[in-house]
C-alpha atoms as a PDB file:
ATOM      1  CA  MET A   1      91.308 117.429 118.683  1.00  0.00           C
ATOM      2  CA  LEU A   2      92.095 113.731 118.395  1.00  0.00           C
ATOM      3  CA  VAL A   3      91.962 112.465 114.825  1.00  0.00           C
ATOM      4  CA  LEU A   4      91.742 108.821 113.799  1.00  0.00           C
ATOM      5  CA  GLY A   5      93.581 108.228 110.530  1.00  0.00           C
ATOM      6  CA  ILE A   6      92.870 105.233 108.288  1.00  0.00           C
ATOM      7  CA  GLU A   7      95.090 104.331 105.313  1.00  0.00           C
ATOM      8  CA  THR A   8      94.526 101.388 102.935  1.00  0.00           C
ATOM      9  CA  SER A   9      95.620 102.717  99.556  1.00  0.00           C
ATOM     10  CA  CYS A  10      97.927  99.828  98.634  1.00  0.00           C
ATOM     11  CA  ASP A  11      99.524  97.017 100.647  1.00  0.00           C
ATOM     12  CA  GLU A  12      99.692  98.605 104.105  1.00  0.00           C
ATOM     13  CA  THR A  13      96.735  98.551 106.494  1.00  0.00           C
ATOM     14  CA  ALA A  14      97.345 101.474 108.832  1.00  0.00           C
ATOM     15  CA  VAL A  15      95.505 103.236 111.646  1.00  0.00           C
ATOM     16  CA  SER A  16      96.801 106.119 113.764  1.00  0.00           C
ATOM     17  CA  VAL A  17      95.637 108.547 116.422  1.00  0.00           C
ATOM     18  CA  VAL A  18      97.075 112.063 116.186  1.00  0.00           C
ATOM     19  CA  GLY A  19      96.374 115.054 118.410  1.00  0.00           C
ATOM     20  CA  ASN A  20      95.979 118.505 116.812  1.00  0.00           C
ATOM     21  CA  GLY A  21      97.991 117.455 113.788  1.00  0.00           C
ATOM     22  CA  GLU A  22     101.185 117.241 115.856  1.00  0.00           C
ATOM     23  CA  LYS A  23     101.288 114.639 118.605  1.00  0.00           C
ATOM     24  CA  ILE A  24     101.254 111.014 117.465  1.00  0.00           C
ATOM     25  CA  TYR A  25      99.541 108.928 120.123  1.00  0.00           C
ATOM     26  CA  SER A  26      99.724 105.745 118.062  1.00  0.00           C
ATOM     27  CA  SER A  27     100.693 104.539 114.609  1.00  0.00           C
ATOM     28  CA  VAL A  28     100.094 100.925 113.676  1.00  0.00           C
ATOM     29  CA  VAL A  29     100.921  99.498 110.248  1.00  0.00           C
ATOM     30  CA  SER A  30     100.295  95.963 109.033  1.00  0.00           C
ATOM     31  CA  SER A  31     102.001  95.245 105.706  1.00  0.00           C
ATOM     32  CA  SER A  32     101.119  92.456 103.293  1.00  0.00           C
ATOM     33  CA  ILE A  33     104.428  92.788 101.430  1.00  0.00           C
ATOM     34  CA  ASN A  34     105.565  89.250 102.254  1.00  0.00           C
ATOM     35  CA  PHE A  35     102.553  87.895 100.364  1.00  0.00           C
ATOM     36  CA  HIS A  36     103.542  89.863  97.249  1.00  0.00           C
ATOM     37  CA  LYS A  37     107.249  89.035  97.124  1.00  0.00           C
ATOM     38  CA  ARG A  38     106.825  85.832  95.152  1.00  0.00           C
ATOM     39  CA  TYR A  39     105.043  87.825  92.424  1.00  0.00           C
ATOM     40  CA  LYS A  40     107.684  90.609  92.409  1.00  0.00           C
ATOM     41  CA  GLY A  41     105.014  93.267  92.771  1.00  0.00           C
ATOM     42  CA  ILE A  42     101.687  94.136  94.388  1.00  0.00           C
ATOM     43  CA  VAL A  43      98.768  91.812  93.604  1.00  0.00           C
ATOM     44  CA  PRO A  44      95.620  93.967  94.118  1.00  0.00           C
ATOM     45  CA  GLU A  45      93.342  91.068  95.077  1.00  0.00           C
ATOM     46  CA  ILE A  46      95.742  89.860  97.775  1.00  0.00           C
ATOM     47  CA  ALA A  47      96.135  93.409  99.117  1.00  0.00           C
ATOM     48  CA  SER A  48      92.389  94.072  99.400  1.00  0.00           C
ATOM     49  CA  ARG A  49      91.649  90.700 101.020  1.00  0.00           C
ATOM     50  CA  LEU A  50      94.321  91.232 103.658  1.00  0.00           C
ATOM     51  CA  HIS A  51      92.945  94.718 104.396  1.00  0.00           C
ATOM     52  CA  ILE A  52      89.592  93.097 105.146  1.00  0.00           C
ATOM     53  CA  GLU A  53      91.212  90.498 107.395  1.00  0.00           C
ATOM     54  CA  THR A  54      93.385  92.886 109.417  1.00  0.00           C
ATOM     55  CA  ILE A  55      91.747  96.321 109.602  1.00  0.00           C
ATOM     56  CA  SER A  56      89.668  95.639 112.742  1.00  0.00           C
ATOM     57  CA  ALA A  57      92.701  94.305 114.611  1.00  0.00           C
ATOM     58  CA  VAL A  58      94.858  97.220 113.471  1.00  0.00           C
ATOM     59  CA  LEU A  59      92.217  99.670 114.755  1.00  0.00           C
ATOM     60  CA  SER A  60      92.113  97.883 118.133  1.00  0.00           C
ATOM     61  CA  ASP A  61      95.902  97.957 118.388  1.00  0.00           C
ATOM     62  CA  ALA A  62      96.035 101.673 117.518  1.00  0.00           C
ATOM     63  CA  LEU A  63      93.431 102.586 120.145  1.00  0.00           C
ATOM     64  CA  ALA A  64      95.149 100.395 122.756  1.00  0.00           C
ATOM     65  CA  GLN A  65      98.529 101.950 121.953  1.00  0.00           C
ATOM     66  CA  ALA A  66      97.001 105.416 122.335  1.00  0.00           C
ATOM     67  CA  GLY A  67      95.250 104.379 125.550  1.00  0.00           C
ATOM     68  CA  LEU A  68      91.832 105.679 124.581  1.00  0.00           C
ATOM     69  CA  GLY A  69      88.503 104.679 123.042  1.00  0.00           C
ATOM     70  CA  LEU A  70      86.519 105.867 120.041  1.00  0.00           C
ATOM     71  CA  LYS A  71      84.492 108.224 122.291  1.00  0.00           C
ATOM     72  CA  ARG A  72      87.546 110.492 122.467  1.00  0.00           C
ATOM     73  CA  ILE A  73      87.915 110.741 118.682  1.00  0.00           C
ATOM     74  CA  GLY A  74      86.742 114.037 117.193  1.00  0.00           C
ATOM     75  CA  LEU A  75      87.375 113.315 113.502  1.00  0.00           C
ATOM     76  CA  ILE A  76      88.035 110.354 111.207  1.00  0.00           C
ATOM     77  CA  ALA A  77      90.360 111.024 108.269  1.00  0.00           C
ATOM     78  CA  VAL A  78      90.542 108.310 105.626  1.00  0.00           C
ATOM     79  CA  THR A  79      92.514 107.928 102.414  1.00  0.00           C
ATOM     80  CA  SER A  80      90.108 108.328  99.491  1.00  0.00           C
ATOM     81  CA  LYS A  81      92.663 108.503  96.628  1.00  0.00           C
ATOM     82  CA  PRO A  82      94.889 107.625  94.868  1.00  0.00           C
ATOM     83  CA  GLY A  83      95.417 103.904  95.200  1.00  0.00           C
ATOM     84  CA  LEU A  84      94.165 100.437  94.311  1.00  0.00           C
ATOM     85  CA  PRO A  85      90.351 100.600  94.009  1.00  0.00           C
ATOM     86  CA  GLY A  86      89.722  97.450  96.048  1.00  0.00           C
ATOM     87  CA  SER A  87      92.116  98.495  98.801  1.00  0.00           C
ATOM     88  CA  LEU A  88      90.691 102.011  99.012  1.00  0.00           C
ATOM     89  CA  LEU A  89      87.160 100.609  99.196  1.00  0.00           C
ATOM     90  CA  VAL A  90      87.969  98.582 102.310  1.00  0.00           C
ATOM     91  CA  GLY A  91      89.244 101.627 104.203  1.00  0.00           C
ATOM     92  CA  LEU A  92      86.447 103.890 102.987  1.00  0.00           C
ATOM     93  CA  CYS A  93      83.685 101.454 103.948  1.00  0.00           C
ATOM     94  CA  PHE A  94      85.280 100.787 107.331  1.00  0.00           C
ATOM     95  CA  ALA A  95      85.627 104.539 108.022  1.00  0.00           C
ATOM     96  CA  ARG A  96      82.042 105.232 106.932  1.00  0.00           C
ATOM     97  CA  ALA A  97      80.737 102.525 109.235  1.00  0.00           C
ATOM     98  CA  LEU A  98      82.669 103.933 112.205  1.00  0.00           C
ATOM     99  CA  SER A  99      81.528 107.458 111.396  1.00  0.00           C
ATOM    100  CA  PHE A 100      77.883 106.431 111.146  1.00  0.00           C
ATOM    101  CA  ALA A 101      77.905 104.184 114.225  1.00  0.00           C
ATOM    102  CA  LYS A 102      79.704 106.642 116.494  1.00  0.00           C
ATOM    103  CA  GLY A 103      78.512 109.954 115.032  1.00  0.00           C
ATOM    104  CA  ILE A 104      82.060 111.119 114.272  1.00  0.00           C
ATOM    105  CA  PRO A 105      82.711 113.554 111.384  1.00  0.00           C
ATOM    106  CA  LEU A 106      84.421 111.963 108.388  1.00  0.00           C
ATOM    107  CA  LEU A 107      86.903 113.610 106.019  1.00  0.00           C
ATOM    108  CA  PRO A 108      88.468 112.213 102.803  1.00  0.00           C
ATOM    109  CA  VAL A 109      92.195 112.741 102.326  1.00  0.00           C
ATOM    110  CA  ASP A 110      94.450 112.498  99.275  1.00  0.00           C
ATOM    111  CA  HIS A 111      97.232 110.308 100.675  1.00  0.00           C
ATOM    112  CA  LEU A 112      99.698 111.484  98.019  1.00  0.00           C
ATOM    113  CA  LYS A 113      99.478 115.020  99.381  1.00  0.00           C
ATOM    114  CA  ALA A 114      99.480 113.628 102.913  1.00  0.00           C
ATOM    115  CA  HIS A 115     103.018 112.348 102.267  1.00  0.00           C
ATOM    116  CA  LEU A 116     104.081 115.999 102.370  1.00  0.00           C
ATOM    117  CA  TYR A 117     102.394 116.472 105.739  1.00  0.00           C
ATOM    118  CA  ALA A 118     104.602 113.732 107.208  1.00  0.00           C
ATOM    119  CA  ALA A 119     107.501 116.219 107.342  1.00  0.00           C
ATOM    120  CA  PHE A 120     105.442 118.359 109.742  1.00  0.00           C
ATOM    121  CA  PHE A 121     105.892 115.767 112.500  1.00  0.00           C
ATOM    122  CA  SER A 122     109.554 116.794 112.702  1.00  0.00           C
ATOM    123  CA  ARG A 123     111.191 120.000 113.883  1.00  0.00           C
ATOM    124  CA  PRO A 124     111.697 122.549 112.517  1.00  0.00           C
ATOM    125  CA  ARG A 125     108.424 122.440 110.613  1.00  0.00           C
ATOM    126  CA  PRO A 126     108.409 123.740 107.021  1.00  0.00           C
ATOM    127  CA  ARG A 127     106.999 127.187 106.311  1.00  0.00           C
ATOM    128  CA  PHE A 128     104.615 127.915 103.453  1.00  0.00           C
ATOM    129  CA  PRO A 129     104.911 128.168 100.530  1.00  0.00           C
ATOM    130  CA  PHE A 130     107.152 125.279  99.504  1.00  0.00           C
ATOM    131  CA  ILE A 131     107.829 122.850  96.703  1.00  0.00           C
ATOM    132  CA  GLY A 132     106.798 119.295  97.533  1.00  0.00           C
ATOM    133  CA  LEU A 133     108.318 116.176  95.980  1.00  0.00           C
ATOM    134  CA  VAL A 134     106.499 112.875  96.501  1.00  0.00           C
ATOM    135  CA  VAL A 135     108.571 109.952  95.293  1.00  0.00           C
ATOM    136  CA  SER A 136     107.198 106.460  95.863  1.00  0.00           C
ATOM    137  CA  GLY A 137     106.451 103.107  94.301  1.00  0.00           C
ATOM    138  CA  GLY A 138     103.384 104.396  92.497  1.00  0.00           C
ATOM    139  CA  HIS A 139     103.986 108.125  92.128  1.00  0.00           C
ATOM    140  CA  THR A 140     106.644 110.692  91.344  1.00  0.00           C
ATOM    141  CA  SER A 141     105.154 114.177  91.564  1.00  0.00           C
ATOM    142  CA  LEU A 142     106.160 117.794  92.149  1.00  0.00           C
ATOM    143  CA  PHE A 143     103.742 120.182  93.861  1.00  0.00           C
ATOM    144  CA  TYR A 144     103.623 123.870  94.702  1.00  0.00           C
ATOM    145  CA  VAL A 145     102.093 124.180  98.178  1.00  0.00           C
ATOM    146  CA  LYS A 146     100.757 127.568  99.307  1.00  0.00           C
ATOM    147  CA  LYS A 147      98.916 125.822 102.115  1.00  0.00           C
ATOM    148  CA  PHE A 148      97.471 122.341 102.412  1.00  0.00           C
ATOM    149  CA  SER A 149      94.148 123.457 100.982  1.00  0.00           C
ATOM    150  CA  GLN A 150      95.955 125.034  98.003  1.00  0.00           C
ATOM    151  CA  ILE A 151      98.233 122.506  96.324  1.00  0.00           C
ATOM    152  CA  LYS A 152      99.076 122.723  92.628  1.00  0.00           C
ATOM    153  CA  LEU A 153     100.577 119.847  90.651  1.00  0.00           C
ATOM    154  CA  LEU A 154     103.650 121.061  88.743  1.00  0.00           C
ATOM    155  CA  GLY A 155     104.859 117.811  87.195  1.00  0.00           C
ATOM    156  CA  SER A 156     104.631 114.046  87.431  1.00  0.00           C
ATOM    157  CA  THR A 157     105.995 110.916  85.835  1.00  0.00           C
ATOM    158  CA  GLN A 158     104.933 110.138  82.279  1.00  0.00           C
ATOM    159  CA  ASP A 159     105.510 106.414  82.631  1.00  0.00           C
ATOM    160  CA  ASP A 160     107.024 104.399  85.495  1.00  0.00           C
ATOM    161  CA  ALA A 161     107.127 105.897  88.949  1.00  0.00           C
ATOM    162  CA  CYS A 162     110.576 106.114  90.517  1.00  0.00           C
ATOM    163  CA  GLY A 163     109.948 103.312  93.000  1.00  0.00           C
ATOM    164  CA  GLU A 164     108.408 101.182  90.270  1.00  0.00           C
ATOM    165  CA  ALA A 165     111.593 101.571  88.195  1.00  0.00           C
ATOM    166  CA  PHE A 166     113.653 100.449  91.209  1.00  0.00           C
ATOM    167  CA  ASP A 167     111.436  97.371  91.574  1.00  0.00           C
ATOM    168  CA  LYS A 168     111.733  96.422  87.899  1.00  0.00           C
ATOM    169  CA  VAL A 169     115.498  96.933  87.786  1.00  0.00           C
ATOM    170  CA  SER A 170     115.883  94.875  90.945  1.00  0.00           C
ATOM    171  CA  SER A 171     113.909  92.085  89.290  1.00  0.00           C
ATOM    172  CA  MET A 172     116.155  92.251  86.201  1.00  0.00           C
ATOM    173  CA  LEU A 173     119.227  91.874  88.399  1.00  0.00           C
ATOM    174  CA  GLY A 174     117.753  89.073  90.487  1.00  0.00           C
ATOM    175  CA  LEU A 175     117.759  91.104  93.701  1.00  0.00           C
ATOM    176  CA  GLY A 176     114.171  90.493  94.727  1.00  0.00           C
ATOM    177  CA  TYR A 177     111.239  92.647  95.820  1.00  0.00           C
ATOM    178  CA  PRO A 178     110.908  95.369  97.010  1.00  0.00           C
ATOM    179  CA  GLY A 179     113.645  96.795  94.825  1.00  0.00           C
ATOM    180  CA  GLY A 180     114.506 100.071  96.529  1.00  0.00           C
ATOM    181  CA  PRO A 181     116.253  98.690  99.640  1.00  0.00           C
ATOM    182  CA  ALA A 182     117.917  95.916  97.604  1.00  0.00           C
ATOM    183  CA  ILE A 183     119.405  98.310  95.054  1.00  0.00           C
ATOM    184  CA  GLU A 184     120.499 100.762  97.745  1.00  0.00           C
ATOM    185  CA  GLU A 185     122.294  97.951  99.589  1.00  0.00           C
ATOM    186  CA  MET A 186     124.129  96.771  96.468  1.00  0.00           C
ATOM    187  CA  ALA A 187     124.959 100.353  95.422  1.00  0.00           C
ATOM    188  CA  ARG A 188     126.886 100.954  98.659  1.00  0.00           C
ATOM    189  CA  ASN A 189     129.689  98.756  97.315  1.00  0.00           C
ATOM    190  CA  GLY A 190     129.433  99.984  93.726  1.00  0.00           C
ATOM    191  CA  GLU A 191     130.962 102.726  91.613  1.00  0.00           C
ATOM    192  CA  ALA A 192     128.399 105.271  90.413  1.00  0.00           C
ATOM    193  CA  LYS A 193     130.548 106.262  87.428  1.00  0.00           C
ATOM    194  CA  ALA A 194     131.083 102.699  86.210  1.00  0.00           C
ATOM    195  CA  PHE A 195     128.211 102.945  83.730  1.00  0.00           C
ATOM    196  CA  SER A 196     126.654 105.954  82.007  1.00  0.00           C
ATOM    197  CA  PHE A 197     122.883 106.133  82.518  1.00  0.00           C
ATOM    198  CA  ASN A 198     120.517 109.069  82.106  1.00  0.00           C
ATOM    199  CA  CYS A 199     116.807 109.547  82.577  1.00  0.00           C
ATOM    200  CA  SER A 200     114.895 110.545  79.465  1.00  0.00           C
ATOM    201  CA  ASN A 201     114.231 114.202  78.764  1.00  0.00           C
ATOM    202  CA  THR A 202     110.596 115.318  78.870  1.00  0.00           C
ATOM    203  CA  GLN A 203     108.815 117.977  76.872  1.00  0.00           C
ATOM    204  CA  GLU A 204     107.540 119.576  80.081  1.00  0.00           C
ATOM    205  CA  PRO A 205     110.601 120.422  82.198  1.00  0.00           C
ATOM    206  CA  LEU A 206     109.057 119.354  85.518  1.00  0.00           C
ATOM    207  CA  ASN A 207     107.772 115.971  84.351  1.00  0.00           C
ATOM    208  CA  PHE A 208     109.710 112.751  84.901  1.00  0.00           C
ATOM    209  CA  SER A 209     110.412 109.658  82.810  1.00  0.00           C
ATOM    210  CA  PHE A 210     112.030 106.482  84.117  1.00  0.00           C
ATOM    211  CA  SER A 211     111.124 103.900  81.472  1.00  0.00           C
ATOM    212  CA  GLY A 212     114.106 104.760  79.262  1.00  0.00           C
ATOM    213  CA  ILE A 213     116.746 104.246  81.927  1.00  0.00           C
ATOM    214  CA  LYS A 214     115.084 100.968  82.908  1.00  0.00           C
ATOM    215  CA  THR A 215     115.364  99.742  79.307  1.00  0.00           C
ATOM    216  CA  ALA A 216     118.968 100.959  79.021  1.00  0.00           C
ATOM    217  CA  LEU A 217     119.880  98.954  82.095  1.00  0.00           C
ATOM    218  CA  LEU A 218     118.165  95.861  80.656  1.00  0.00           C
ATOM    219  CA  TYR A 219     120.352  96.082  77.537  1.00  0.00           C
ATOM    220  CA  LYS A 220     123.426  96.609  79.712  1.00  0.00           C
ATOM    221  CA  THR A 221     122.683  93.478  81.754  1.00  0.00           C
ATOM    222  CA  ARG A 222     122.584  91.489  78.500  1.00  0.00           C
ATOM    223  CA  GLU A 223     125.774  93.120  77.283  1.00  0.00           C
ATOM    224  CA  GLU A 224     127.521  92.327  80.562  1.00  0.00           C
ATOM    225  CA  LYS A 225     126.024  88.814  80.546  1.00  0.00           C
ATOM    226  CA  ILE A 226     124.455  89.134  83.989  1.00  0.00           C
ATOM    227  CA  GLY A 227     122.923  85.788  84.921  1.00  0.00           C
ATOM    228  CA  ALA A 228     123.515  82.529  86.744  1.00  0.00           C
ATOM    229  CA  LYS A 229     127.222  81.805  87.326  1.00  0.00           C
ATOM    230  CA  LYS A 230     128.617  78.487  88.526  1.00  0.00           C
ATOM    231  CA  ASN A 231     132.207  79.054  89.606  1.00  0.00           C
ATOM    232  CA  ARG A 232     133.183  81.239  92.564  1.00  0.00           C
ATOM    233  CA  GLY A 233     135.377  83.642  90.602  1.00  0.00           C
ATOM    234  CA  ALA A 234     132.644  84.359  88.058  1.00  0.00           C
ATOM    235  CA  LYS A 235     130.139  84.949  90.858  1.00  0.00           C
ATOM    236  CA  ILE A 236     132.432  87.483  92.532  1.00  0.00           C
ATOM    237  CA  ARG A 237     133.039  89.329  89.258  1.00  0.00           C
ATOM    238  CA  GLN A 238     129.317  89.413  88.560  1.00  0.00           C
ATOM    239  CA  LYS A 239     128.531  90.755  92.032  1.00  0.00           C
ATOM    240  CA  ILE A 240     130.940  93.643  91.374  1.00  0.00           C
ATOM    241  CA  LYS A 241     129.222  94.356  88.057  1.00  0.00           C
ATOM    242  CA  VAL A 242     125.783  94.252  89.664  1.00  0.00           C
ATOM    243  CA  SER A 243     126.931  96.615  92.436  1.00  0.00           C
ATOM    244  CA  ASN A 244     128.237  99.038  89.806  1.00  0.00           C
ATOM    245  CA  LEU A 245     125.033  98.797  87.802  1.00  0.00           C
ATOM    246  CA  CYS A 246     122.971  99.533  90.919  1.00  0.00           C
ATOM    247  CA  ALA A 247     125.151 102.484  91.935  1.00  0.00           C
ATOM    248  CA  SER A 248     125.114 103.963  88.412  1.00  0.00           C
ATOM    249  CA  PHE A 249     121.362 103.494  88.032  1.00  0.00           C
ATOM    250  CA  GLN A 250     120.584 104.913  91.477  1.00  0.00           C
ATOM    251  CA  GLU A 251     122.776 107.967  90.914  1.00  0.00           C
ATOM    252  CA  ALA A 252     121.178 108.748  87.549  1.00  0.00           C
ATOM    253  CA  VAL A 253     117.674 108.562  89.013  1.00  0.00           C
ATOM    254  CA  ILE A 254     118.651 110.767  91.948  1.00  0.00           C
ATOM    255  CA  ASN A 255     120.251 113.248  89.549  1.00  0.00           C
ATOM    256  CA  ALA A 256     116.916 113.629  87.747  1.00  0.00           C
ATOM    257  CA  LEU A 257     114.980 114.068  91.006  1.00  0.00           C
ATOM    258  CA  VAL A 258     117.419 116.678  92.319  1.00  0.00           C
ATOM    259  CA  LYS A 259     117.642 118.589  89.043  1.00  0.00           C
ATOM    260  CA  LYS A 260     113.876 118.926  88.545  1.00  0.00           C
ATOM    261  CA  SER A 261     113.106 119.636  92.192  1.00  0.00           C
ATOM    262  CA  LEU A 262     115.631 122.481  92.337  1.00  0.00           C
ATOM    263  CA  LEU A 263     114.317 123.801  89.011  1.00  0.00           C
ATOM    264  CA  ALA A 264     110.822 123.923  90.513  1.00  0.00           C
ATOM    265  CA  CYS A 265     112.190 125.896  93.477  1.00  0.00           C
ATOM    266  CA  ARG A 266     113.800 128.398  91.111  1.00  0.00           C
ATOM    267  CA  LEU A 267     110.725 128.748  88.892  1.00  0.00           C
ATOM    268  CA  LYS A 268     108.451 129.346  91.884  1.00  0.00           C
ATOM    269  CA  LYS A 269     111.061 131.438  93.735  1.00  0.00           C
ATOM    270  CA  THR A 270     110.610 129.202  96.767  1.00  0.00           C
ATOM    271  CA  PRO A 271     113.691 128.336  98.867  1.00  0.00           C
ATOM    272  CA  ARG A 272     111.970 125.422 100.656  1.00  0.00           C
ATOM    273  CA  LEU A 273     111.625 121.823  99.484  1.00  0.00           C
ATOM    274  CA  VAL A 274     109.656 119.106 101.304  1.00  0.00           C
ATOM    275  CA  ILE A 275     110.252 115.476 100.307  1.00  0.00           C
ATOM    276  CA  GLY A 276     108.109 112.466 101.175  1.00  0.00           C
ATOM    277  CA  GLY A 277     107.196 108.986  99.947  1.00  0.00           C
ATOM    278  CA  GLY A 278     108.802 105.582 100.256  1.00  0.00           C
ATOM    279  CA  VAL A 279     111.831 106.329  98.070  1.00  0.00           C
ATOM    280  CA  ALA A 280     112.628 109.304 100.344  1.00  0.00           C
ATOM    281  CA  ALA A 281     114.004 106.778 102.858  1.00  0.00           C
ATOM    282  CA  ASN A 282     116.956 106.160 100.513  1.00  0.00           C
ATOM    283  CA  ASN A 283     120.108 107.391 102.282  1.00  0.00           C
ATOM    284  CA  ARG A 284     121.985 108.346  99.105  1.00  0.00           C
ATOM    285  CA  LEU A 285     119.005 110.389  97.938  1.00  0.00           C
ATOM    286  CA  ARG A 286     118.982 112.267 101.241  1.00  0.00           C
ATOM    287  CA  GLU A 287     122.728 112.925 101.077  1.00  0.00           C
ATOM    288  CA  ARG A 288     122.506 114.316  97.548  1.00  0.00           C
ATOM    289  CA  PHE A 289     119.521 116.553  98.268  1.00  0.00           C
ATOM    290  CA  PHE A 290     121.098 118.024 101.393  1.00  0.00           C
ATOM    291  CA  SER A 291     124.377 118.583  99.545  1.00  0.00           C
ATOM    292  CA  GLU A 292     122.751 120.282  96.545  1.00  0.00           C
ATOM    293  CA  ALA A 293     120.426 122.284  98.780  1.00  0.00           C
ATOM    294  CA  ARG A 294     123.364 123.838 100.636  1.00  0.00           C
ATOM    295  CA  LEU A 295     124.930 124.901  97.339  1.00  0.00           C
ATOM    296  CA  ASN A 296     121.666 126.467  96.152  1.00  0.00           C
ATOM    297  CA  GLY A 297     120.475 128.110  99.376  1.00  0.00           C
ATOM    298  CA  ILE A 298     117.420 125.868  99.730  1.00  0.00           C
ATOM    299  CA  ASP A 299     116.035 124.435 102.968  1.00  0.00           C
ATOM    300  CA  ILE A 300     115.273 120.713 102.730  1.00  0.00           C
ATOM    301  CA  TYR A 301     112.675 118.939 104.876  1.00  0.00           C
ATOM    302  CA  PHE A 302     112.337 115.142 104.927  1.00  0.00           C
ATOM    303  CA  SER A 303     109.769 113.112 106.794  1.00  0.00           C
ATOM    304  CA  ARG A 304     111.219 110.668 109.308  1.00  0.00           C
ATOM    305  CA  LYS A 305     111.955 107.317 107.713  1.00  0.00           C
ATOM    306  CA  GLU A 306     109.173 105.518 109.563  1.00  0.00           C
ATOM    307  CA  PHE A 307     106.712 107.959 107.974  1.00  0.00           C
ATOM    308  CA  CYS A 308     108.087 107.771 104.414  1.00  0.00           C
ATOM    309  CA  THR A 309     106.077 104.698 103.474  1.00  0.00           C
ATOM    310  CA  ASP A 310     102.273 104.704 103.613  1.00  0.00           C
ATOM    311  CA  ASN A 311     101.004 105.310 107.134  1.00  0.00           C
ATOM    312  CA  ALA A 312      97.887 106.642 108.832  1.00  0.00           C
ATOM    313  CA  ALA A 313      99.596 109.310 110.955  1.00  0.00           C
ATOM    314  CA  MET A 314     100.156 111.522 107.911  1.00  0.00           C
ATOM    315  CA  VAL A 315      96.517 110.984 106.879  1.00  0.00           C
ATOM    316  CA  ALA A 316      95.299 111.993 110.340  1.00  0.00           C
ATOM    317  CA  GLY A 317      97.580 115.042 110.398  1.00  0.00           C
ATOM    318  CA  MET A 318      96.473 116.169 106.958  1.00  0.00           C
ATOM    319  CA  GLY A 319      92.838 115.578 107.882  1.00  0.00           C
ATOM    320  CA  TYR A 320      93.150 117.750 110.974  1.00  0.00           C
ATOM    321  CA  ASN A 321      94.751 120.560 108.991  1.00  0.00           C
ATOM    322  CA  LEU A 322      92.017 120.512 106.321  1.00  0.00           C
ATOM    323  CA  TYR A 323      89.231 120.248 108.888  1.00  0.00           C
ATOM    324  CA  LYS A 324      90.640 123.122 110.901  1.00  0.00           C
ATOM    325  CA  ASN A 325      90.843 125.252 107.770  1.00  0.00           C
ATOM    326  CA  SER A 326      87.139 125.157 106.862  1.00  0.00           C
ATOM    327  CA  HIS A 327      86.943 121.889 104.939  1.00  0.00           C
ATOM    328  CA  LYS A 328      84.300 120.555 107.270  1.00  0.00           C
ATOM    329  CA  ASN A 329      81.536 119.998 104.747  1.00  0.00           C
ATOM    330  CA  LYS A 330      83.218 117.592 102.359  1.00  0.00           C
ATOM    331  CA  SER A 331      81.525 114.206 102.291  1.00  0.00           C
ATOM    332  CA  LEU A 332      82.355 110.851 100.737  1.00  0.00           C
END
């Protein structure tokens, strides 16, 4: 079965065609991130307007890339939650119109859970059950996955999402938006033990909190007098400090993600961990998880980097899996 996936939960307008939940015939993503950079974060109104302007063209490109027409499509899978209300509405209305006009079944998909499906496009594919970690700009969540129709939330962030904390810290340090790639780049030349940061403890052991470490770094930037420097020597010294701050911050955040993910594996007696979401593209995060997994006898599965950020291929794959497993009667 060929499934058309549509994803408009935030700032990416994405359409993909996937066969039987495995073969990606096309995956087209149009991002509005350049329009948000000046505001150092996503502006919902800008995101939704650009979805409206681009979604028809993105659909045409996806069908052309796949070399087929809508007559070949057996199912439309569309992101229904979570996300920005205005952005979601554009994708939902567009998918409903296609479904009605062409008589194609329509299935809603939770794109947060679809991030876990992205790992199934790689080999070897994960086996059920597994612990799933979704770590992105808007969400940081741990799931226990028996199968894709049986997913239980084990823990989530109580305040900032991991990616959101990266964005805010990057803004504090004058590194721009989005923050994840900028901090990772600076951290490569930094010393992770230069500063002592820790993520806040939570009452529930599998929940996350990143607001405390963000505030601690803010105070440290003031203490270290991070700001505009005029002479060359001062600029060089500040760049070293900023690199160390980034490395120390990044390592502390990764420590929290690793610690709680492995705890979830132990509590659920599950030696498999699947990781998805935009922050999962971070190279240091991948290194640490693979290293810790070897020490603890856990198999780690990451989605390919091009499928870490929001995309429609994962939505189409998840939709196929749910449809195949008797979720045919859900309606929007």
